[in-house]
Amino acid sequence: MERRIDGARLIEAVSKQAMMNVNASTVAKSSDGAQAISLTQLLLDKLREHNILEQYYRKDLVHGQLIKRSGGVLQVLSSQQALSEEQLNMIWTSVDQYEDMRYEFYAILKD
């Protein structure tokens, strides 16, 4: 669990950086050469590739510390309209288990 929480801290920091610099670019190397990719898009791609949201909110894996550290991820996904109805249902089901987490989740959505 400690490794998951440490990973969540790192992802949260990158998410906050992405939100602060929505138009900032990073360079990803491909076989064709270098291509500019926004930090936000790179983060979205990695979140999807590694099913990070599911790691935070899947009912059998949910943990309060992970939910607390998911605000940046949710803000990035929300700002990019990258949350599906299925993901929102998964999040709500998980958050509903923890009354105090519901309030934190509301605050995240409010921002």
Foldseek 3Di string as FASTA:
>chain_A
DVVLLVVLQVLLVLLVVCVVCVPDWDWDADPVGIDTDRSLVVSVVVCVVVVVLCCDQAQVNHDPSSLLSCLSVVLSCVVVVNADPVSVVSNCVRQVVPPVSVVVVVVSVVD
